[in-house]
Amino acid sequence: MTFRTKKITGFFLFFVLTATTLFAQADQAKVTDAELNKFAAVFQQMRMMNQQVQQKMAQVVADEEMEIQRFNEIHKAKMDPSIET
């Protein structure tokens, strides 16, 4: 393959990949105002629930007289197959 052919092929591949990505993003961006409002309401509720659950989990750790940092270290080690616990 000559340099010119490689250059044209590279440009073509770049164009196709970029166009495909932009086309996919355009399809995903079609969100109505109603959907966006519903999403915002649900997302806010989920954030509040997440905060409440995190507080409860922290309380469980504290009730067992354990520090959250140490609990997280042990949990991380337990989840890592390369670390023997």
C-alpha atoms as a PDB file:
ATOM      1  CA  MET A   1       0.000   0.000   0.000  1.00  0.00           C
ATOM      2  CA  THR A   2       1.355   3.376  -0.889  1.00  0.00           C
ATOM      3  CA  PHE A   3       1.471   6.301   1.499  1.00  0.00           C
ATOM      4  CA  ARG A   4      -1.370   8.037  -0.368  1.00  0.00           C
ATOM      5  CA  THR A   5      -3.598   4.954  -0.193  1.00  0.00           C
ATOM      6  CA  LYS A   6      -2.912   4.567   3.524  1.00  0.00           C
ATOM      7  CA  LYS A   7      -3.730   8.216   4.064  1.00  0.00           C
ATOM      8  CA  ILE A   8      -7.021   7.959   2.167  1.00  0.00           C
ATOM      9  CA  THR A   9      -7.941   4.731   3.941  1.00  0.00           C
ATOM     10  CA  GLY A  10      -7.145   6.272   7.319  1.00  0.00           C
ATOM     11  CA  PHE A  11      -9.224   9.342   6.533  1.00  0.00           C
ATOM     12  CA  PHE A  12     -12.125   7.174   5.369  1.00  0.00           C
ATOM     13  CA  LEU A  13     -12.028   5.050   8.529  1.00  0.00           C
ATOM     14  CA  PHE A  14     -11.876   8.166  10.698  1.00  0.00           C
ATOM     15  CA  PHE A  15     -14.849   9.661   8.857  1.00  0.00           C
ATOM     16  CA  VAL A  16     -16.924   6.475   9.144  1.00  0.00           C
ATOM     17  CA  LEU A  17     -16.177   6.014  12.845  1.00  0.00           C
ATOM     18  CA  THR A  18     -16.865   9.668  13.634  1.00  0.00           C
ATOM     19  CA  ALA A  19     -20.097   9.696  11.656  1.00  0.00           C
ATOM     20  CA  THR A  20     -21.267   6.492  13.357  1.00  0.00           C
ATOM     21  CA  THR A  21     -20.542   7.925  16.795  1.00  0.00           C
ATOM     22  CA  LEU A  22     -22.307  11.198  16.037  1.00  0.00           C
ATOM     23  CA  PHE A  23     -25.299   9.364  14.595  1.00  0.00           C
ATOM     24  CA  ALA A  24     -25.564   7.162  17.700  1.00  0.00           C
ATOM     25  CA  GLN A  25     -25.345  10.204  19.964  1.00  0.00           C
ATOM     26  CA  ALA A  26     -28.068  11.972  18.009  1.00  0.00           C
ATOM     27  CA  ASP A  27     -30.422   9.010  18.506  1.00  0.00           C
ATOM     28  CA  GLN A  28     -29.729   8.958  22.234  1.00  0.00           C
ATOM     29  CA  ALA A  29     -30.284  12.710  22.624  1.00  0.00           C
ATOM     30  CA  LYS A  30     -33.993  12.571  21.748  1.00  0.00           C
ATOM     31  CA  VAL A  31     -35.487  13.198  25.193  1.00  0.00           C
ATOM     32  CA  THR A  32     -38.788  14.958  25.707  1.00  0.00           C
ATOM     33  CA  ASP A  33     -39.322  17.587  28.390  1.00  0.00           C
ATOM     34  CA  ALA A  34     -41.748  15.253  30.157  1.00  0.00           C
ATOM     35  CA  GLU A  35     -39.160  12.459  30.209  1.00  0.00           C
ATOM     36  CA  LEU A  36     -36.520  14.823  31.497  1.00  0.00           C
ATOM     37  CA  ASN A  37     -38.809  16.037  34.289  1.00  0.00           C
ATOM     38  CA  LYS A  38     -39.646  12.450  35.276  1.00  0.00           C
ATOM     39  CA  PHE A  39     -35.973  11.552  35.215  1.00  0.00           C
ATOM     40  CA  ALA A  40     -35.098  14.519  37.441  1.00  0.00           C
ATOM     41  CA  ALA A  41     -37.795  13.599  39.974  1.00  0.00           C
ATOM     42  CA  VAL A  42     -36.751   9.941  40.103  1.00  0.00           C
ATOM     43  CA  PHE A  43     -33.063  10.807  40.270  1.00  0.00           C
ATOM     44  CA  GLN A  44     -33.651  13.176  43.200  1.00  0.00           C
ATOM     45  CA  GLN A  45     -35.614  10.490  45.071  1.00  0.00           C
ATOM     46  CA  MET A  46     -32.861   7.952  44.432  1.00  0.00           C
ATOM     47  CA  ARG A  47     -30.202  10.360  45.723  1.00  0.00           C
ATOM     48  CA  MET A  48     -32.166  10.867  48.923  1.00  0.00           C
ATOM     49  CA  MET A  49     -32.654   7.111  49.351  1.00  0.00           C
ATOM     50  CA  ASN A  50     -28.959   6.520  48.727  1.00  0.00           C
ATOM     51  CA  GLN A  51     -28.004   9.050  51.411  1.00  0.00           C
ATOM     52  CA  GLN A  52     -30.381   7.426  53.901  1.00  0.00           C
ATOM     53  CA  VAL A  53     -29.046   3.946  53.184  1.00  0.00           C
ATOM     54  CA  GLN A  54     -25.442   5.126  53.500  1.00  0.00           C
ATOM     55  CA  GLN A  55     -26.243   6.674  56.879  1.00  0.00           C
ATOM     56  CA  LYS A  56     -27.845   3.424  58.056  1.00  0.00           C
ATOM     57  CA  MET A  57     -24.853   1.394  56.853  1.00  0.00           C
ATOM     58  CA  ALA A  58     -22.461   3.744  58.635  1.00  0.00           C
ATOM     59  CA  GLN A  59     -24.530   3.328  61.801  1.00  0.00           C
ATOM     60  CA  VAL A  60     -24.336  -0.478  61.535  1.00  0.00           C
ATOM     61  CA  VAL A  61     -20.547  -0.277  61.251  1.00  0.00           C
ATOM     62  CA  ALA A  62     -20.382   2.132  64.205  1.00  0.00           C
ATOM     63  CA  ASP A  63     -22.704  -0.091  66.283  1.00  0.00           C
ATOM     64  CA  GLU A  64     -20.172  -2.887  65.863  1.00  0.00           C
ATOM     65  CA  GLU A  65     -17.461  -0.517  67.145  1.00  0.00           C
ATOM     66  CA  MET A  66     -15.620  -0.525  63.870  1.00  0.00           C
ATOM     67  CA  GLU A  67     -14.300   2.424  61.901  1.00  0.00           C
ATOM     68  CA  ILE A  68     -15.679   2.902  58.405  1.00  0.00           C
ATOM     69  CA  GLN A  69     -12.201   3.263  56.911  1.00  0.00           C
ATOM     70  CA  ARG A  70     -11.116  -0.094  58.363  1.00  0.00           C
ATOM     71  CA  PHE A  71     -14.355  -1.733  57.253  1.00  0.00           C
ATOM     72  CA  ASN A  72     -13.767  -0.449  53.705  1.00  0.00           C
ATOM     73  CA  GLU A  73     -10.171  -1.718  53.739  1.00  0.00           C
ATOM     74  CA  ILE A  74     -11.324  -5.201  54.743  1.00  0.00           C
ATOM     75  CA  HIS A  75     -14.146  -5.156  52.207  1.00  0.00           C
ATOM     76  CA  LYS A  76     -11.778  -4.093  49.431  1.00  0.00           C
ATOM     77  CA  ALA A  77      -9.335  -6.862  50.336  1.00  0.00           C
ATOM     78  CA  LYS A  78     -12.141  -9.417  50.437  1.00  0.00           C
ATOM     79  CA  MET A  79     -13.341  -8.395  46.962  1.00  0.00           C
ATOM     80  CA  ASP A  80      -9.851  -8.506  45.418  1.00  0.00           C
ATOM     81  CA  PRO A  81      -9.057 -12.087  44.343  1.00  0.00           C
ATOM     82  CA  SER A  82      -5.328 -11.329  44.311  1.00  0.00           C
ATOM     83  CA  ILE A  83      -5.330 -10.608  48.069  1.00  0.00           C
ATOM     84  CA  GLU A  84      -5.565 -13.527  50.458  1.00  0.00           C
ATOM     85  CA  THR A  85      -7.828 -12.807  53.431  1.00  0.00           C
END
